[in-house]
Amino acid sequence: MAHLQRFHERRAGDRIFVFAIAMLEDRAEAQRLTRDLGATYPIFWGTGSDLGHRSPYG
């Protein structure tokens, strides 16, 4: 995630949309991890979604 954060910061003005999909079962843990890592890009909840079911991590 640190790589995504740096990319997000470097390319913010280039119309590139950086985001992540949280696949942790525990939503509070995912939010805590996001906060602890200092992510400022959007992180969507993917557990239980159609996208999550298609992923090997879902």
Protein backbone atom coordinates (compact mmCIF):
# COMPACT_ATOMS: atom_id res chain seq x y z
CA MET A 1 0.00 0.00 0.00
CA ALA A 2 2.93 2.34 0.54
CA HIS A 3 3.73 2.08 -3.17
CA LEU A 4 0.14 2.97 -4.06
CA GLN A 5 0.25 5.97 -1.72
CA ARG A 6 3.44 7.31 -3.29
CA PHE A 7 2.05 6.75 -6.79
CA HIS A 8 -1.19 8.49 -5.78
CA GLU A 9 0.76 11.49 -4.45
CA ARG A 10 3.09 11.73 -7.48
CA ARG A 11 0.36 11.39 -10.09
CA ALA A 12 -2.47 13.30 -8.39
CA GLY A 13 -2.62 15.93 -11.14
CA ASP A 14 -2.49 13.45 -14.03
CA ARG A 15 -6.14 12.33 -13.92
CA ILE A 16 -5.15 8.86 -12.71
CA PHE A 17 -7.55 7.37 -10.17
CA VAL A 18 -5.80 5.26 -7.54
CA PHE A 19 -7.98 3.10 -5.32
CA ALA A 20 -7.89 -0.16 -3.41
CA ILE A 21 -10.43 -2.80 -2.49
CA ALA A 22 -10.34 -4.04 1.10
CA MET A 23 -10.83 -7.80 1.27
CA LEU A 24 -10.43 -8.24 5.03
CA GLU A 25 -13.43 -9.84 6.74
CA ASP A 26 -13.24 -7.44 9.69
CA ARG A 27 -14.24 -3.99 8.47
CA ALA A 28 -12.86 -2.26 11.60
CA GLU A 29 -9.50 -3.96 11.03
CA ALA A 30 -9.47 -2.78 7.40
CA GLN A 31 -10.24 0.79 8.49
CA ARG A 32 -7.54 0.66 11.19
CA LEU A 33 -4.98 -0.65 8.69
CA THR A 34 -5.89 2.07 6.20
CA ARG A 35 -5.53 4.75 8.86
CA ASP A 36 -2.25 3.31 10.22
CA LEU A 37 -0.73 3.21 6.73
CA GLY A 38 -1.80 6.79 6.01
CA ALA A 39 -3.65 5.96 2.80
CA THR A 40 -5.36 9.02 1.35
CA TYR A 41 -6.79 7.34 -1.76
CA PRO A 42 -10.26 5.71 -1.71
CA ILE A 43 -10.52 2.19 -0.35
CA PHE A 44 -13.71 0.33 -1.16
CA TRP A 45 -15.19 -2.56 0.82
CA GLY A 46 -15.04 -5.67 -1.38
CA THR A 47 -15.85 -8.55 0.94
CA GLY A 48 -19.11 -10.19 -0.09
CA SER A 49 -19.38 -8.22 -3.35
CA ASP A 50 -19.52 -9.69 -6.85
CA LEU A 51 -16.00 -8.42 -7.40
CA GLY A 52 -14.91 -10.02 -4.16
CA HIS A 53 -16.31 -13.38 -5.24
CA ARG A 54 -14.31 -13.21 -8.48
CA SER A 55 -11.07 -12.52 -6.64
CA PRO A 56 -8.94 -15.29 -5.19
CA TYR A 57 -8.95 -13.27 -1.97
CA GLY A 58 -12.75 -12.83 -1.77
